[in-house]
Structures are given as structure tokens and as C-alpha cells.
Amino acid sequence: MDAHLASAFVGGIERAVSEIVKHPRIWRKVDEDIRLYLLMRFPYGIYYLIEDGHVYIVAVAHMRRNPGYWLGRAPKR
């Protein structure tokens, strides 16, 4: 991956996290408490949950590889 593409990816993640923190309840639930934010330019999604007013990132996952691999990272409810 070239430096420009890597920088764009990091910037996309930073913007996504900023949007999630500003409006955490906008994105759809994919599990009981876990929500998914899809990045626009890259095939990645950010799985997160909201607990006690805090946002917790569960995984940043490639959306075309090993679906659900991140489930083991999710807190047990």
C-alpha cells in the first residue's frame, strides 16, 4: 500500500470515529447492542457499542473477508 493510500485510510477511520462519537445512535444495529458504520471509500466497517454514555470500538473489519470473525471480541451479555 502506498503512503497516500495509507494516509487516506487512516483519515477515513479518524473521520468515521469522529462521526460515531458525535452521533452514536444513527447507524444500524447488527446485533443486540452492536452497531456498524461503513466506510465510504474502503471496504471496511467499524463495529461499536454504546455503554454508559461511552462508545467502544469492537472491531475494524474488512467487509469482504471472514464475516463475523470479530464476534469473539464482543463483550459477553
C-alpha atoms as a PDB file:
ATOM      1  CA  MET A   1       0.000   0.000   0.000  1.00  0.00           C
ATOM      2  CA  ASP A   2       1.462   3.347  -0.911  1.00  0.00           C
ATOM      3  CA  ALA A   3       1.776   6.171   1.602  1.00  0.00           C
ATOM      4  CA  HIS A   4      -1.013   8.251   0.028  1.00  0.00           C
ATOM      5  CA  LEU A   5      -3.493   5.382   0.182  1.00  0.00           C
ATOM      6  CA  ALA A   6      -2.472   4.531   3.754  1.00  0.00           C
ATOM      7  CA  SER A   7      -2.926   8.162   4.774  1.00  0.00           C
ATOM      8  CA  ALA A   8      -6.376   8.234   3.144  1.00  0.00           C
ATOM      9  CA  PHE A   9      -7.359   5.053   5.015  1.00  0.00           C
ATOM     10  CA  VAL A  10      -6.236   6.441   8.381  1.00  0.00           C
ATOM     11  CA  GLY A  11      -8.060   9.700   7.642  1.00  0.00           C
ATOM     12  CA  GLY A  12     -11.209   7.745   6.791  1.00  0.00           C
ATOM     13  CA  ILE A  13     -11.030   5.849  10.066  1.00  0.00           C
ATOM     14  CA  GLU A  14     -10.485   9.079  12.020  1.00  0.00           C
ATOM     15  CA  ARG A  15     -13.472  10.762  10.330  1.00  0.00           C
ATOM     16  CA  ALA A  16     -15.622   7.698  10.945  1.00  0.00           C
ATOM     17  CA  VAL A  17     -14.758   7.583  14.642  1.00  0.00           C
ATOM     18  CA  SER A  18     -15.466  11.305  14.927  1.00  0.00           C
ATOM     19  CA  GLU A  19     -18.899  10.823  13.315  1.00  0.00           C
ATOM     20  CA  ILE A  20     -19.655   7.841  15.549  1.00  0.00           C
ATOM     21  CA  VAL A  21     -18.782   9.839  18.664  1.00  0.00           C
ATOM     22  CA  LYS A  22     -20.925  12.807  17.530  1.00  0.00           C
ATOM     23  CA  HIS A  23     -23.967  10.696  16.568  1.00  0.00           C
ATOM     24  CA  PRO A  24     -23.548   7.207  18.032  1.00  0.00           C
ATOM     25  CA  ARG A  25     -27.156   6.070  17.645  1.00  0.00           C
ATOM     26  CA  ILE A  26     -27.550   6.857  13.929  1.00  0.00           C
ATOM     27  CA  TRP A  27     -26.019   3.707  12.460  1.00  0.00           C
ATOM     28  CA  ARG A  28     -27.915   0.446  12.363  1.00  0.00           C
ATOM     29  CA  LYS A  29     -27.695  -2.321  14.916  1.00  0.00           C
ATOM     30  CA  VAL A  30     -26.272  -5.574  13.586  1.00  0.00           C
ATOM     31  CA  ASP A  31     -26.534  -7.407  16.884  1.00  0.00           C
ATOM     32  CA  GLU A  32     -28.312  -6.804  20.171  1.00  0.00           C
ATOM     33  CA  ASP A  33     -26.055  -3.889  21.206  1.00  0.00           C
ATOM     34  CA  ILE A  34     -23.523  -3.636  18.388  1.00  0.00           C
ATOM     35  CA  ARG A  35     -23.803  -1.094  15.578  1.00  0.00           C
ATOM     36  CA  LEU A  36     -21.998  -0.863  12.253  1.00  0.00           C
ATOM     37  CA  TYR A  37     -20.526   2.167  10.493  1.00  0.00           C
ATOM     38  CA  LEU A  38     -19.443   1.507   6.892  1.00  0.00           C
ATOM     39  CA  LEU A  39     -16.534   3.496   5.478  1.00  0.00           C
ATOM     40  CA  MET A  40     -17.247   5.173   2.151  1.00  0.00           C
ATOM     41  CA  ARG A  41     -14.014   4.720   0.212  1.00  0.00           C
ATOM     42  CA  PHE A  42     -12.713   1.463   1.652  1.00  0.00           C
ATOM     43  CA  PRO A  43     -14.415  -1.919   2.153  1.00  0.00           C
ATOM     44  CA  TYR A  44     -14.196  -1.697   5.935  1.00  0.00           C
ATOM     45  CA  GLY A  45     -16.700  -1.292   8.711  1.00  0.00           C
ATOM     46  CA  ILE A  46     -16.400  -0.199  12.312  1.00  0.00           C
ATOM     47  CA  TYR A  47     -18.353  -2.290  14.796  1.00  0.00           C
ATOM     48  CA  TYR A  48     -19.045  -0.467  18.034  1.00  0.00           C
ATOM     49  CA  LEU A  49     -21.320  -0.383  21.024  1.00  0.00           C
ATOM     50  CA  ILE A  50     -22.604   2.299  23.356  1.00  0.00           C
ATOM     51  CA  GLU A  51     -22.456   1.636  27.072  1.00  0.00           C
ATOM     52  CA  ASP A  52     -22.945   4.078  29.933  1.00  0.00           C
ATOM     53  CA  GLY A  53     -22.543   7.041  27.580  1.00  0.00           C
ATOM     54  CA  HIS A  54     -19.266   5.761  26.118  1.00  0.00           C
ATOM     55  CA  VAL A  55     -18.547   4.421  22.641  1.00  0.00           C
ATOM     56  CA  TYR A  56     -16.459   1.247  22.482  1.00  0.00           C
ATOM     57  CA  ILE A  57     -14.949   0.113  19.185  1.00  0.00           C
ATOM     58  CA  VAL A  58     -15.249  -3.674  18.967  1.00  0.00           C
ATOM     59  CA  ALA A  59     -13.579  -4.161  15.570  1.00  0.00           C
ATOM     60  CA  VAL A  60     -12.461  -2.500  12.380  1.00  0.00           C
ATOM     61  CA  ALA A  61     -13.215  -5.249   9.890  1.00  0.00           C
ATOM     62  CA  HIS A  62     -12.761  -5.847   6.184  1.00  0.00           C
ATOM     63  CA  MET A  63     -16.297  -6.387   4.921  1.00  0.00           C
ATOM     64  CA  ARG A  64     -15.401  -8.991   2.287  1.00  0.00           C
ATOM     65  CA  ARG A  65     -13.268 -11.321   4.410  1.00  0.00           C
ATOM     66  CA  ASN A  66     -14.237 -13.763   7.133  1.00  0.00           C
ATOM     67  CA  PRO A  67     -17.602 -12.277   8.078  1.00  0.00           C
ATOM     68  CA  GLY A  68     -18.228 -12.342  11.799  1.00  0.00           C
ATOM     69  CA  TYR A  69     -14.623 -13.040  12.834  1.00  0.00           C
ATOM     70  CA  TRP A  70     -14.897 -10.110  15.213  1.00  0.00           C
ATOM     71  CA  LEU A  71     -17.752 -11.717  17.208  1.00  0.00           C
ATOM     72  CA  GLY A  72     -15.263 -13.250  19.631  1.00  0.00           C
ATOM     73  CA  ARG A  73     -14.158  -9.728  20.563  1.00  0.00           C
ATOM     74  CA  ALA A  74     -17.628  -8.582  21.521  1.00  0.00           C
ATOM     75  CA  PRO A  75     -18.351  -8.390  25.235  1.00  0.00           C
ATOM     76  CA  LYS A  76     -20.484 -11.216  26.540  1.00  0.00           C
ATOM     77  CA  ARG A  77     -24.001 -10.124  27.506  1.00  0.00           C
END
